[in-house]
Amino acid sequence: MDPILLSIATAAAGTLAGEAAKGIVAAGRLVKERFGRDEGRELVLLRAETGKIPPEGLAAAIEQACAEDPEFRRQLSELAGKPIQISQVNQAGQQVMFQNNFHGDGPRNVVQGETINIRDLH
């Protein structure tokens, strides 16, 4: 999960201290405004504010909202002063992370698999 989302979630839950995080606090306010208009997300926000779920739970809800609405993600990135990275999630709800590094000409053929199950090699 992007650390910026965790900071925004902490700010939205009201537990971020210090003057140095004005952009993050502003992003937290934006999350509060947006989540206040959605009953399900408002419940997640309220649970985070009261300490019933950790900031990671709220950050996951913010990440989902960013994945669903690129404009919301852009606004949060602008307020935070840094692009927000969102995780890709496969159909089973599992986080997916790919990283490919090629140097020089790189390989001629590349195959990238998300999930590979090998049952019997005989």
PDB file of N, CA and C in Angstrom:
ATOM      1  N   MET A   1       0.848  -1.170   0.000  1.00  0.00           N
ATOM      2  CA  MET A   1       0.000   0.000   0.000  1.00  0.00           C
ATOM      3  C   MET A   1       0.891   1.230   0.000  1.00  0.00           C
ATOM      4  N   ASP A   2       0.476   2.251  -0.717  1.00  0.00           N
ATOM      5  CA  ASP A   2       1.236   3.483  -0.824  1.00  0.00           C
ATOM      6  C   ASP A   2       1.283   4.179   0.533  1.00  0.00           C
ATOM      7  N   PRO A   3       2.471   4.548   1.023  1.00  0.00           N
ATOM      8  CA  PRO A   3       2.585   5.228   2.321  1.00  0.00           C
ATOM      9  C   PRO A   3       1.823   6.551   2.370  1.00  0.00           C
ATOM     10  N   ILE A   4       1.686   7.212   1.220  1.00  0.00           N
ATOM     11  CA  ILE A   4       0.927   8.462   1.185  1.00  0.00           C
ATOM     12  C   ILE A   4      -0.528   8.200   1.564  1.00  0.00           C
ATOM     13  N   LEU A   5      -1.096   7.082   1.072  1.00  0.00           N
ATOM     14  CA  LEU A   5      -2.484   6.751   1.417  1.00  0.00           C
ATOM     15  C   LEU A   5      -2.624   6.516   2.917  1.00  0.00           C
ATOM     16  N   LEU A   6      -1.634   5.880   3.512  1.00  0.00           N
ATOM     17  CA  LEU A   6      -1.678   5.634   4.951  1.00  0.00           C
ATOM     18  C   LEU A   6      -1.631   6.960   5.707  1.00  0.00           C
ATOM     19  N   SER A   7      -0.812   7.899   5.254  1.00  0.00           N
ATOM     20  CA  SER A   7      -0.757   9.222   5.886  1.00  0.00           C
ATOM     21  C   SER A   7      -2.081   9.957   5.746  1.00  0.00           C
ATOM     22  N   ILE A   8      -2.680   9.870   4.564  1.00  0.00           N
ATOM     23  CA  ILE A   8      -3.974  10.521   4.332  1.00  0.00           C
ATOM     24  C   ILE A   8      -5.035   9.894   5.222  1.00  0.00           C
ATOM     25  N   ALA A   9      -5.011   8.571   5.343  1.00  0.00           N
ATOM     26  CA  ALA A   9      -5.980   7.883   6.201  1.00  0.00           C
ATOM     27  C   ALA A   9      -5.808   8.308   7.653  1.00  0.00           C
ATOM     28  N   THR A  10      -4.563   8.445   8.086  1.00  0.00           N
ATOM     29  CA  THR A  10      -4.288   8.879   9.454  1.00  0.00           C
ATOM     30  C   THR A  10      -4.808  10.294   9.677  1.00  0.00           C
ATOM     31  N   ALA A  11      -4.603  11.164   8.673  1.00  0.00           N
ATOM     32  CA  ALA A  11      -5.107  12.535   8.781  1.00  0.00           C
ATOM     33  C   ALA A  11      -6.632  12.551   8.802  1.00  0.00           C
ATOM     34  N   ALA A  12      -7.260  11.745   7.961  1.00  0.00           N
ATOM     35  CA  ALA A  12      -8.721  11.699   7.909  1.00  0.00           C
ATOM     36  C   ALA A  12      -9.302  11.187   9.223  1.00  0.00           C
ATOM     37  N   ALA A  13      -8.584  10.278   9.871  1.00  0.00           N
ATOM     38  CA  ALA A  13      -9.048   9.736  11.148  1.00  0.00           C
ATOM     39  C   ALA A  13      -8.742  10.689  12.306  1.00  0.00           C
ATOM     40  N   GLY A  14      -8.039  11.783  12.004  1.00  0.00           N
ATOM     41  CA  GLY A  14      -7.806  12.813  13.002  1.00  0.00           C
ATOM     42  C   GLY A  14      -6.633  12.568  13.923  1.00  0.00           C
ATOM     43  N   THR A  15      -5.701  11.703  13.544  1.00  0.00           N
ATOM     44  CA  THR A  15      -4.600  11.389  14.445  1.00  0.00           C
ATOM     45  C   THR A  15      -3.241  11.851  13.942  1.00  0.00           C
ATOM     46  N   LEU A  16      -3.195  12.686  12.899  1.00  0.00           N
ATOM     47  CA  LEU A  16      -1.930  13.181  12.379  1.00  0.00           C
ATOM     48  C   LEU A  16      -1.568  14.463  13.114  1.00  0.00           C
ATOM     49  N   ALA A  17      -0.386  14.509  13.696  1.00  0.00           N
ATOM     50  CA  ALA A  17       0.040  15.682  14.445  1.00  0.00           C
ATOM     51  C   ALA A  17       1.113  16.434  13.671  1.00  0.00           C
ATOM     52  N   GLY A  18       1.224  17.707  13.970  1.00  0.00           N
ATOM     53  CA  GLY A  18       2.305  18.495  13.393  1.00  0.00           C
ATOM     54  C   GLY A  18       1.864  19.386  12.259  1.00  0.00           C
ATOM     55  N   GLU A  19       2.537  20.516  12.153  1.00  0.00           N
ATOM     56  CA  GLU A  19       2.240  21.514  11.129  1.00  0.00           C
ATOM     57  C   GLU A  19       2.856  21.151   9.794  1.00  0.00           C
ATOM     58  N   ALA A  20       3.815  20.224   9.771  1.00  0.00           N
ATOM     59  CA  ALA A  20       4.573  19.907   8.562  1.00  0.00           C
ATOM     60  C   ALA A  20       3.752  19.167   7.516  1.00  0.00           C
ATOM     61  N   ALA A  21       2.585  18.699   7.861  1.00  0.00           N
ATOM     62  CA  ALA A  21       1.816  17.852   6.952  1.00  0.00           C
ATOM     63  C   ALA A  21       0.561  18.547   6.436  1.00  0.00           C
ATOM     64  N   LYS A  22       0.644  19.844   6.121  1.00  0.00           N
ATOM     65  CA  LYS A  22      -0.544  20.588   5.685  1.00  0.00           C
ATOM     66  C   LYS A  22      -1.218  19.968   4.467  1.00  0.00           C
ATOM     67  N   GLY A  23      -0.432  19.542   3.479  1.00  0.00           N
ATOM     68  CA  GLY A  23      -1.013  18.930   2.279  1.00  0.00           C
ATOM     69  C   GLY A  23      -1.715  17.629   2.600  1.00  0.00           C
ATOM     70  N   ILE A  24      -1.110  16.842   3.471  1.00  0.00           N
ATOM     71  CA  ILE A  24      -1.715  15.568   3.865  1.00  0.00           C
ATOM     72  C   ILE A  24      -3.003  15.828   4.638  1.00  0.00           C
ATOM     73  N   VAL A  25      -2.990  16.831   5.501  1.00  0.00           N
ATOM     74  CA  VAL A  25      -4.195  17.175   6.268  1.00  0.00           C
ATOM     75  C   VAL A  25      -5.301  17.637   5.321  1.00  0.00           C
ATOM     76  N   ALA A  26      -4.934  18.450   4.319  1.00  0.00           N
ATOM     77  CA  ALA A  26      -5.928  18.890   3.337  1.00  0.00           C
ATOM     78  C   ALA A  26      -6.488  17.698   2.569  1.00  0.00           C
ATOM     79  N   ALA A  27      -5.624  16.748   2.239  1.00  0.00           N
ATOM     80  CA  ALA A  27      -6.087  15.534   1.560  1.00  0.00           C
ATOM     81  C   ALA A  27      -7.015  14.738   2.476  1.00  0.00           C
ATOM     82  N   GLY A  28      -6.699  14.711   3.766  1.00  0.00           N
ATOM     83  CA  GLY A  28      -7.569  14.044   4.737  1.00  0.00           C
ATOM     84  C   GLY A  28      -8.942  14.685   4.787  1.00  0.00           C
ATOM     85  N   ARG A  29      -8.985  16.019   4.699  1.00  0.00           N
ATOM     86  CA  ARG A  29     -10.275  16.720   4.672  1.00  0.00           C
ATOM     87  C   ARG A  29     -11.071  16.351   3.427  1.00  0.00           C
ATOM     88  N   LEU A  30     -10.370  16.254   2.295  1.00  0.00           N
ATOM     89  CA  LEU A  30     -11.042  15.858   1.059  1.00  0.00           C
ATOM     90  C   LEU A  30     -11.645  14.461   1.199  1.00  0.00           C
ATOM     91  N   VAL A  31     -10.899  13.550   1.827  1.00  0.00           N
ATOM     92  CA  VAL A  31     -11.410  12.191   2.058  1.00  0.00           C
ATOM     93  C   VAL A  31     -12.659  12.255   2.940  1.00  0.00           C
ATOM     94  N   LYS A  32     -12.612  13.054   3.999  1.00  0.00           N
ATOM     95  CA  LYS A  32     -13.771  13.170   4.883  1.00  0.00           C
ATOM     96  C   LYS A  32     -14.994  13.682   4.124  1.00  0.00           C
ATOM     97  N   GLU A  33     -14.787  14.700   3.288  1.00  0.00           N
ATOM     98  CA  GLU A  33     -15.899  15.249   2.512  1.00  0.00           C
ATOM     99  C   GLU A  33     -16.471  14.194   1.568  1.00  0.00           C
ATOM    100  N   ARG A  34     -15.586  13.532   0.870  1.00  0.00           N
ATOM    101  CA  ARG A  34     -16.038  12.535  -0.114  1.00  0.00           C
ATOM    102  C   ARG A  34     -16.691  11.338   0.562  1.00  0.00           C
ATOM    103  N   PHE A  35     -16.050  10.800   1.593  1.00  0.00           N
ATOM    104  CA  PHE A  35     -16.588   9.622   2.269  1.00  0.00           C
ATOM    105  C   PHE A  35     -17.875   9.956   3.022  1.00  0.00           C
ATOM    106  N   GLY A  36     -18.054  11.220   3.423  1.00  0.00           N
ATOM    107  CA  GLY A  36     -19.274  11.643   4.107  1.00  0.00           C
ATOM    108  C   GLY A  36     -20.500  11.584   3.215  1.00  0.00           C
ATOM    109  N   ARG A  37     -20.287  11.508   1.900  1.00  0.00           N
ATOM    110  CA  ARG A  37     -21.408  11.429   0.947  1.00  0.00           C
ATOM    111  C   ARG A  37     -21.760   9.996   0.569  1.00  0.00           C
ATOM    112  N   ASP A  38     -21.039   9.022   1.110  1.00  0.00           N
ATOM    113  CA  ASP A  38     -21.261   7.613   0.781  1.00  0.00           C
ATOM    114  C   ASP A  38     -21.423   6.843   2.090  1.00  0.00           C
ATOM    115  N   GLU A  39     -22.584   6.244   2.281  1.00  0.00           N
ATOM    116  CA  GLU A  39     -22.899   5.604   3.562  1.00  0.00           C
ATOM    117  C   GLU A  39     -21.889   4.530   3.970  1.00  0.00           C
ATOM    118  N   GLY A  40     -21.514   3.672   3.030  1.00  0.00           N
ATOM    119  CA  GLY A  40     -20.573   2.597   3.350  1.00  0.00           C
ATOM    120  C   GLY A  40     -19.194   3.120   3.698  1.00  0.00           C
ATOM    121  N   ARG A  41     -18.724   4.078   2.911  1.00  0.00           N
ATOM    122  CA  ARG A  41     -17.389   4.635   3.170  1.00  0.00           C
ATOM    123  C   ARG A  41     -17.395   5.525   4.403  1.00  0.00           C
ATOM    124  N   GLU A  42     -18.509   6.179   4.670  1.00  0.00           N
ATOM    125  CA  GLU A  42     -18.602   6.994   5.877  1.00  0.00           C
ATOM    126  C   GLU A  42     -18.464   6.119   7.118  1.00  0.00           C
ATOM    127  N   LEU A  43     -19.026   4.933   7.076  1.00  0.00           N
ATOM    128  CA  LEU A  43     -18.893   4.009   8.200  1.00  0.00           C
ATOM    129  C   LEU A  43     -17.439   3.625   8.427  1.00  0.00           C
ATOM    130  N   VAL A  44     -16.700   3.370   7.344  1.00  0.00           N
ATOM    131  CA  VAL A  44     -15.272   3.048   7.476  1.00  0.00           C
ATOM    132  C   VAL A  44     -14.536   4.227   8.105  1.00  0.00           C
ATOM    133  N   LEU A  45     -14.838   5.434   7.649  1.00  0.00           N
ATOM    134  CA  LEU A  45     -14.208   6.634   8.195  1.00  0.00           C
ATOM    135  C   LEU A  45     -14.514   6.783   9.680  1.00  0.00           C
ATOM    136  N   LEU A  46     -15.768   6.615  10.059  1.00  0.00           N
ATOM    137  CA  LEU A  46     -16.167   6.740  11.468  1.00  0.00           C
ATOM    138  C   LEU A  46     -15.475   5.684  12.334  1.00  0.00           C
ATOM    139  N   ARG A  47     -15.359   4.485  11.802  1.00  0.00           N
ATOM    140  CA  ARG A  47     -14.674   3.416  12.558  1.00  0.00           C
ATOM    141  C   ARG A  47     -13.191   3.746  12.739  1.00  0.00           C
ATOM    142  N   ALA A  48     -12.577   4.363  11.732  1.00  0.00           N
ATOM    143  CA  ALA A  48     -11.168   4.761  11.847  1.00  0.00           C
ATOM    144  C   ALA A  48     -11.022   5.922  12.841  1.00  0.00           C
ATOM    145  N   GLU A  49     -11.939   6.857  12.796  1.00  0.00           N
ATOM    146  CA  GLU A  49     -11.888   8.005  13.710  1.00  0.00           C
ATOM    147  C   GLU A  49     -12.014   7.580  15.164  1.00  0.00           C
ATOM    148  N   THR A  50     -12.774   6.532  15.418  1.00  0.00           N
ATOM    149  CA  THR A  50     -12.979   6.061  16.790  1.00  0.00           C
ATOM    150  C   THR A  50     -11.994   4.970  17.188  1.00  0.00           C
ATOM    151  N   GLY A  51     -11.070   4.648  16.309  1.00  0.00           N
ATOM    152  CA  GLY A  51     -10.045   3.654  16.626  1.00  0.00           C
ATOM    153  C   GLY A  51     -10.518   2.217  16.530  1.00  0.00           C
ATOM    154  N   LYS A  52     -11.685   1.988  15.944  1.00  0.00           N
ATOM    155  CA  LYS A  52     -12.208   0.625  15.829  1.00  0.00           C
ATOM    156  C   LYS A  52     -11.555  -0.153  14.702  1.00  0.00           C
ATOM    157  N   ILE A  53     -10.970   0.554  13.747  1.00  0.00           N
ATOM    158  CA  ILE A  53     -10.144  -0.090  12.722  1.00  0.00           C
ATOM    159  C   ILE A  53      -8.850   0.714  12.622  1.00  0.00           C
ATOM    160  N   PRO A  54      -7.749   0.064  12.250  1.00  0.00           N
ATOM    161  CA  PRO A  54      -6.483   0.783  12.124  1.00  0.00           C
ATOM    162  C   PRO A  54      -6.491   1.672  10.879  1.00  0.00           C
ATOM    163  N   PRO A  55      -5.573   2.637  10.815  1.00  0.00           N
ATOM    164  CA  PRO A  55      -5.497   3.505   9.631  1.00  0.00           C
ATOM    165  C   PRO A  55      -5.342   2.720   8.325  1.00  0.00           C
ATOM    166  N   GLU A  56      -4.733   1.537   8.390  1.00  0.00           N
ATOM    167  CA  GLU A  56      -4.572   0.722   7.179  1.00  0.00           C
ATOM    168  C   GLU A  56      -5.926   0.345   6.571  1.00  0.00           C
ATOM    169  N   GLY A  57      -6.928   0.143   7.407  1.00  0.00           N
ATOM    170  CA  GLY A  57      -8.262  -0.177   6.904  1.00  0.00           C
ATOM    171  C   GLY A  57      -8.870   0.981   6.138  1.00  0.00           C
ATOM    172  N   LEU A  58      -8.704   2.190   6.677  1.00  0.00           N
ATOM    173  CA  LEU A  58      -9.195   3.378   5.986  1.00  0.00           C
ATOM    174  C   LEU A  58      -8.374   3.632   4.728  1.00  0.00           C
ATOM    175  N   ALA A  59      -7.048   3.423   4.809  1.00  0.00           N
ATOM    176  CA  ALA A  59      -6.186   3.610   3.635  1.00  0.00           C
ATOM    177  C   ALA A  59      -6.618   2.682   2.504  1.00  0.00           C
ATOM    178  N   ALA A  60      -7.009   1.456   2.844  1.00  0.00           N
ATOM    179  CA  ALA A  60      -7.475   0.512   1.818  1.00  0.00           C
ATOM    180  C   ALA A  60      -8.754   1.026   1.157  1.00  0.00           C
ATOM    181  N   ALA A  61      -9.648   1.623   1.947  1.00  0.00           N
ATOM    182  CA  ALA A  61     -10.880   2.185   1.383  1.00  0.00           C
ATOM    183  C   ALA A  61     -10.570   3.391   0.492  1.00  0.00           C
ATOM    184  N   ILE A  62      -9.593   4.203   0.900  1.00  0.00           N
ATOM    185  CA  ILE A  62      -9.178   5.348   0.079  1.00  0.00           C
ATOM    186  C   ILE A  62      -8.551   4.849  -1.215  1.00  0.00           C
ATOM    187  N   GLU A  63      -7.738   3.807  -1.113  1.00  0.00           N
ATOM    188  CA  GLU A  63      -7.104   3.241  -2.304  1.00  0.00           C
ATOM    189  C   GLU A  63      -8.157   2.730  -3.285  1.00  0.00           C
ATOM    190  N   GLN A  64      -9.185   2.081  -2.771  1.00  0.00           N
ATOM    191  CA  GLN A  64     -10.265   1.586  -3.627  1.00  0.00           C
ATOM    192  C   GLN A  64     -10.991   2.751  -4.302  1.00  0.00           C
ATOM    193  N   ALA A  65     -11.234   3.822  -3.544  1.00  0.00           N
ATOM    194  CA  ALA A  65     -11.889   4.996  -4.122  1.00  0.00           C
ATOM    195  C   ALA A  65     -11.012   5.623  -5.210  1.00  0.00           C
ATOM    196  N   CYS A  66      -9.704   5.638  -4.995  1.00  0.00           N
ATOM    197  CA  CYS A  66      -8.766   6.163  -6.002  1.00  0.00           C
ATOM    198  C   CYS A  66      -8.773   5.299  -7.262  1.00  0.00           C
ATOM    199  N   ALA A  67      -8.875   3.993  -7.088  1.00  0.00           N
ATOM    200  CA  ALA A  67      -8.909   3.083  -8.241  1.00  0.00           C
ATOM    201  C   ALA A  67     -10.190   3.277  -9.043  1.00  0.00           C
ATOM    202  N   GLU A  68     -11.271   3.575  -8.361  1.00  0.00           N
ATOM    203  CA  GLU A  68     -12.564   3.747  -9.023  1.00  0.00           C
ATOM    204  C   GLU A  68     -12.721   5.131  -9.663  1.00  0.00           C
ATOM    205  N   ASP A  69     -12.010   6.120  -9.128  1.00  0.00           N
ATOM    206  CA  ASP A  69     -12.185   7.503  -9.594  1.00  0.00           C
ATOM    207  C   ASP A  69     -10.824   8.181  -9.780  1.00  0.00           C
ATOM    208  N   PRO A  70     -10.297   8.178 -11.013  1.00  0.00           N
ATOM    209  CA  PRO A  70      -8.991   8.792 -11.271  1.00  0.00           C
ATOM    210  C   PRO A  70      -8.931  10.283 -10.914  1.00  0.00           C
ATOM    211  N   GLU A  71     -10.046  10.986 -11.004  1.00  0.00           N
ATOM    212  CA  GLU A  71     -10.057  12.410 -10.645  1.00  0.00           C
ATOM    213  C   GLU A  71      -9.839  12.587  -9.148  1.00  0.00           C
ATOM    214  N   PHE A  72     -10.449  11.746  -8.343  1.00  0.00           N
ATOM    215  CA  PHE A  72     -10.239  11.773  -6.892  1.00  0.00           C
ATOM    216  C   PHE A  72      -8.772  11.480  -6.584  1.00  0.00           C
ATOM    217  N   ARG A  73      -8.211  10.501  -7.252  1.00  0.00           N
ATOM    218  CA  ARG A  73      -6.794  10.156  -7.079  1.00  0.00           C
ATOM    219  C   ARG A  73      -5.911  11.341  -7.459  1.00  0.00           C
ATOM    220  N   ARG A  74      -6.231  12.017  -8.547  1.00  0.00           N
ATOM    221  CA  ARG A  74      -5.446  13.179  -8.980  1.00  0.00           C
ATOM    222  C   ARG A  74      -5.514  14.288  -7.932  1.00  0.00           C
ATOM    223  N   GLN A  75      -6.714  14.532  -7.398  1.00  0.00           N
ATOM    224  CA  GLN A  75      -6.869  15.580  -6.385  1.00  0.00           C
ATOM    225  C   GLN A  75      -6.056  15.262  -5.131  1.00  0.00           C
ATOM    226  N   LEU A  76      -6.120  14.023  -4.682  1.00  0.00           N
ATOM    227  CA  LEU A  76      -5.347  13.632  -3.498  1.00  0.00           C
ATOM    228  C   LEU A  76      -3.845  13.752  -3.757  1.00  0.00           C
ATOM    229  N   SER A  77      -3.408  13.331  -4.944  1.00  0.00           N
ATOM    230  CA  SER A  77      -1.991  13.428  -5.296  1.00  0.00           C
ATOM    231  C   SER A  77      -1.534  14.885  -5.290  1.00  0.00           C
ATOM    232  N   GLU A  78      -2.364  15.754  -5.833  1.00  0.00           N
ATOM    233  CA  GLU A  78      -2.031  17.177  -5.884  1.00  0.00           C
ATOM    234  C   GLU A  78      -1.919  17.753  -4.480  1.00  0.00           C
ATOM    235  N   LEU A  79      -2.868  17.436  -3.621  1.00  0.00           N
ATOM    236  CA  LEU A  79      -2.836  17.939  -2.246  1.00  0.00           C
ATOM    237  C   LEU A  79      -1.639  17.383  -1.474  1.00  0.00           C
ATOM    238  N   ALA A  80      -1.336  16.105  -1.685  1.00  0.00           N
ATOM    239  CA  ALA A  80      -0.229  15.461  -0.977  1.00  0.00           C
ATOM    240  C   ALA A  80       1.126  15.882  -1.532  1.00  0.00           C
ATOM    241  N   GLY A  81       1.134  16.430  -2.748  1.00  0.00           N
ATOM    242  CA  GLY A  81       2.386  16.852  -3.360  1.00  0.00           C
ATOM    243  C   GLY A  81       3.214  15.713  -3.910  1.00  0.00           C
ATOM    244  N   LYS A  82       2.568  14.567  -4.091  1.00  0.00           N
ATOM    245  CA  LYS A  82       3.272  13.380  -4.577  1.00  0.00           C
ATOM    246  C   LYS A  82       2.252  12.453  -5.237  1.00  0.00           C
ATOM    247  N   PRO A  83       2.614  11.841  -6.375  1.00  0.00           N
ATOM    248  CA  PRO A  83       1.657  10.928  -7.017  1.00  0.00           C
ATOM    249  C   PRO A  83       1.322   9.743  -6.111  1.00  0.00           C
ATOM    250  N   ILE A  84       0.068   9.387  -6.081  1.00  0.00           N
ATOM    251  CA  ILE A  84      -0.382   8.249  -5.285  1.00  0.00           C
ATOM    252  C   ILE A  84      -0.364   7.002  -6.155  1.00  0.00           C
ATOM    253  N   GLN A  85       0.298   5.983  -5.665  1.00  0.00           N
ATOM    254  CA  GLN A  85       0.367   4.697  -6.354  1.00  0.00           C
ATOM    255  C   GLN A  85      -0.712   3.792  -5.768  1.00  0.00           C
ATOM    256  N   ILE A  86      -1.475   3.150  -6.623  1.00  0.00           N
ATOM    257  CA  ILE A  86      -2.479   2.211  -6.123  1.00  0.00           C
ATOM    258  C   ILE A  86      -2.083   0.800  -6.540  1.00  0.00           C
ATOM    259  N   SER A  87      -2.403  -0.142  -5.684  1.00  0.00           N
ATOM    260  CA  SER A  87      -2.108  -1.544  -5.938  1.00  0.00           C
ATOM    261  C   SER A  87      -3.105  -2.107  -6.927  1.00  0.00           C
ATOM    262  N   GLN A  88      -2.647  -3.016  -7.747  1.00  0.00           N
ATOM    263  CA  GLN A  88      -3.576  -3.744  -8.596  1.00  0.00           C
ATOM    264  C   GLN A  88      -4.094  -4.927  -7.796  1.00  0.00           C
ATOM    265  N   VAL A  89      -5.373  -5.248  -7.987  1.00  0.00           N
ATOM    266  CA  VAL A  89      -5.991  -6.358  -7.272  1.00  0.00           C
ATOM    267  C   VAL A  89      -6.580  -7.303  -8.302  1.00  0.00           C
ATOM    268  N   ASN A  90      -6.304  -8.605  -8.136  1.00  0.00           N
ATOM    269  CA  ASN A  90      -6.847  -9.573  -9.093  1.00  0.00           C
ATOM    270  C   ASN A  90      -8.287  -9.917  -8.731  1.00  0.00           C
ATOM    271  N   GLN A  91      -8.890 -10.816  -9.490  1.00  0.00           N
ATOM    272  CA  GLN A  91     -10.303 -11.149  -9.288  1.00  0.00           C
ATOM    273  C   GLN A  91     -10.568 -11.803  -7.945  1.00  0.00           C
ATOM    274  N   ALA A  92      -9.545 -12.412  -7.349  1.00  0.00           N
ATOM    275  CA  ALA A  92      -9.720 -13.051  -6.045  1.00  0.00           C
ATOM    276  C   ALA A  92      -9.526 -12.053  -4.904  1.00  0.00           C
ATOM    277  N   GLY A  93      -9.301 -10.774  -5.244  1.00  0.00           N
ATOM    278  CA  GLY A  93      -9.117  -9.755  -4.221  1.00  0.00           C
ATOM    279  C   GLY A  93      -7.712  -9.721  -3.651  1.00  0.00           C
ATOM    280  N   GLN A  94      -6.768 -10.384  -4.306  1.00  0.00           N
ATOM    281  CA  GLN A  94      -5.395 -10.408  -3.829  1.00  0.00           C
ATOM    282  C   GLN A  94      -4.596  -9.296  -4.496  1.00  0.00           C
ATOM    283  N   GLN A  95      -3.713  -8.677  -3.712  1.00  0.00           N
ATOM    284  CA  GLN A  95      -2.881  -7.605  -4.258  1.00  0.00           C
ATOM    285  C   GLN A  95      -1.886  -8.187  -5.251  1.00  0.00           C
ATOM    286  N   VAL A  96      -1.733  -7.509  -6.381  1.00  0.00           N
ATOM    287  CA  VAL A  96      -0.853  -7.963  -7.445  1.00  0.00           C
ATOM    288  C   VAL A  96       0.237  -6.924  -7.636  1.00  0.00           C
ATOM    289  N   MET A  97       1.478  -7.373  -7.692  1.00  0.00           N
ATOM    290  CA  MET A  97       2.579  -6.442  -7.905  1.00  0.00           C
ATOM    291  C   MET A  97       3.526  -7.026  -8.927  1.00  0.00           C
ATOM    292  N   PHE A  98       3.791  -6.263  -9.974  1.00  0.00           N
ATOM    293  CA  PHE A  98       4.708  -6.697 -11.008  1.00  0.00           C
ATOM    294  C   PHE A  98       5.859  -5.720 -11.096  1.00  0.00           C
ATOM    295  N   GLN A  99       7.039  -6.248 -11.322  1.00  0.00           N
ATOM    296  CA  GLN A  99       8.186  -5.391 -11.556  1.00  0.00           C
ATOM    297  C   GLN A  99       9.070  -6.080 -12.577  1.00  0.00           C
ATOM    298  N   ASN A 100       9.271  -5.435 -13.687  1.00  0.00           N
ATOM    299  CA  ASN A 100      10.127  -5.968 -14.736  1.00  0.00           C
ATOM    300  C   ASN A 100      11.296  -5.022 -14.937  1.00  0.00           C
ATOM    301  N   ASN A 101      12.497  -5.555 -14.905  1.00  0.00           N
ATOM    302  CA  ASN A 101      13.690  -4.761 -15.149  1.00  0.00           C
ATOM    303  C   ASN A 101      14.494  -5.417 -16.253  1.00  0.00           C
ATOM    304  N   PHE A 102      14.688  -4.696 -17.346  1.00  0.00           N
ATOM    305  CA  PHE A 102      15.486  -5.189 -18.450  1.00  0.00           C
ATOM    306  C   PHE A 102      16.601  -4.186 -18.718  1.00  0.00           C
ATOM    307  N   HIS A 103      17.777  -4.692 -18.944  1.00  0.00           N
ATOM    308  CA  HIS A 103      18.913  -3.828 -19.215  1.00  0.00           C
ATOM    309  C   HIS A 103      19.492  -4.192 -20.575  1.00  0.00           C
ATOM    310  N   GLY A 104      20.015  -3.203 -21.263  1.00  0.00           N
ATOM    311  CA  GLY A 104      20.552  -3.459 -22.594  1.00  0.00           C
ATOM    312  C   GLY A 104      19.424  -3.794 -23.540  1.00  0.00           C
ATOM    313  N   ASP A 105      19.665  -4.807 -24.373  1.00  0.00           N
ATOM    314  CA  ASP A 105      18.645  -5.211 -25.340  1.00  0.00           C
ATOM    315  C   ASP A 105      17.503  -5.977 -24.685  1.00  0.00           C
ATOM    316  N   GLY A 106      17.742  -6.550 -23.526  1.00  0.00           N
ATOM    317  CA  GLY A 106      16.705  -7.324 -22.857  1.00  0.00           C
ATOM    318  C   GLY A 106      16.495  -8.665 -23.532  1.00  0.00           C
ATOM    319  N   PRO A 107      15.650  -9.479 -22.958  1.00  0.00           N
ATOM    320  CA  PRO A 107      15.379 -10.784 -23.547  1.00  0.00           C
ATOM    321  C   PRO A 107      14.549 -10.659 -24.814  1.00  0.00           C
ATOM    322  N   ARG A 108      14.639 -11.679 -25.651  1.00  0.00           N
ATOM    323  CA  ARG A 108      13.853 -11.661 -26.892  1.00  0.00           C
ATOM    324  C   ARG A 108      12.386 -11.955 -26.613  1.00  0.00           C
ATOM    325  N   ASN A 109      12.126 -12.922 -25.757  1.00  0.00           N
ATOM    326  CA  ASN A 109      10.745 -13.306 -25.434  1.00  0.00           C
ATOM    327  C   ASN A 109      10.526 -13.180 -23.931  1.00  0.00           C
ATOM    328  N   VAL A 110       9.413 -12.614 -23.555  1.00  0.00           N
ATOM    329  CA  VAL A 110       9.095 -12.435 -22.142  1.00  0.00           C
ATOM    330  C   VAL A 110       7.692 -12.969 -21.900  1.00  0.00           C
ATOM    331  N   VAL A 111       7.539 -13.734 -20.825  1.00  0.00           N
ATOM    332  CA  VAL A 111       6.230 -14.214 -20.405  1.00  0.00           C
ATOM    333  C   VAL A 111       6.050 -13.765 -18.965  1.00  0.00           C
ATOM    334  N   GLN A 112       4.930 -13.142 -18.696  1.00  0.00           N
ATOM    335  CA  GLN A 112       4.640 -12.694 -17.349  1.00  0.00           C
ATOM    336  C   GLN A 112       3.339 -13.333 -16.911  1.00  0.00           C
ATOM    337  N   GLY A 113       3.371 -14.064 -15.816  1.00  0.00           N
ATOM    338  CA  GLY A 113       2.174 -14.730 -15.322  1.00  0.00           C
ATOM    339  C   GLY A 113       1.755 -14.159 -13.992  1.00  0.00           C
ATOM    340  N   GLU A 114       0.461 -14.044 -13.778  1.00  0.00           N
ATOM    341  CA  GLU A 114      -0.040 -13.526 -12.512  1.00  0.00           C
ATOM    342  C   GLU A 114      -0.006 -14.616 -11.439  1.00  0.00           C
ATOM    343  N   THR A 115      -0.636 -15.725 -11.715  1.00  0.00           N
ATOM    344  CA  THR A 115      -0.662 -16.832 -10.764  1.00  0.00           C
ATOM    345  C   THR A 115      -0.365 -18.104 -11.534  1.00  0.00           C
ATOM    346  N   ILE A 116       0.633 -18.822 -11.055  1.00  0.00           N
ATOM    347  CA  ILE A 116       0.998 -20.072 -11.708  1.00  0.00           C
ATOM    348  C   ILE A 116       0.931 -21.172 -10.661  1.00  0.00           C
ATOM    349  N   ASN A 117       0.111 -22.154 -10.911  1.00  0.00           N
ATOM    350  CA  ASN A 117      -0.012 -23.298 -10.012  1.00  0.00           C
ATOM    351  C   ASN A 117       0.571 -24.530 -10.696  1.00  0.00           C
ATOM    352  N   ILE A 118       1.562 -25.103 -10.061  1.00  0.00           N
ATOM    353  CA  ILE A 118       2.187 -26.308 -10.611  1.00  0.00           C
ATOM    354  C   ILE A 118       1.822 -27.450  -9.682  1.00  0.00           C
ATOM    355  N   ARG A 119       1.102 -28.436 -10.209  1.00  0.00           N
ATOM    356  CA  ARG A 119       0.631 -29.545  -9.376  1.00  0.00           C
ATOM    357  C   ARG A 119       1.510 -30.787  -9.485  1.00  0.00           C
ATOM    358  N   ASP A 120       1.937 -31.116 -10.686  1.00  0.00           N
ATOM    359  CA  ASP A 120       2.686 -32.356 -10.871  1.00  0.00           C
ATOM    360  C   ASP A 120       3.703 -32.146 -11.989  1.00  0.00           C
ATOM    361  N   LEU A 121       4.945 -32.329 -11.665  1.00  0.00           N
ATOM    362  CA  LEU A 121       5.996 -32.159 -12.664  1.00  0.00           C
ATOM    363  C   LEU A 121       6.452 -33.473 -13.273  1.00  0.00           C
ATOM    364  N   HIS A 122       5.842 -34.587 -12.933  1.00  0.00           N
ATOM    365  CA  HIS A 122       6.249 -35.905 -13.468  1.00  0.00           C
ATOM    366  C   HIS A 122       5.671 -36.151 -14.814  1.00  0.00           C
TER     367      HIS A 122
END
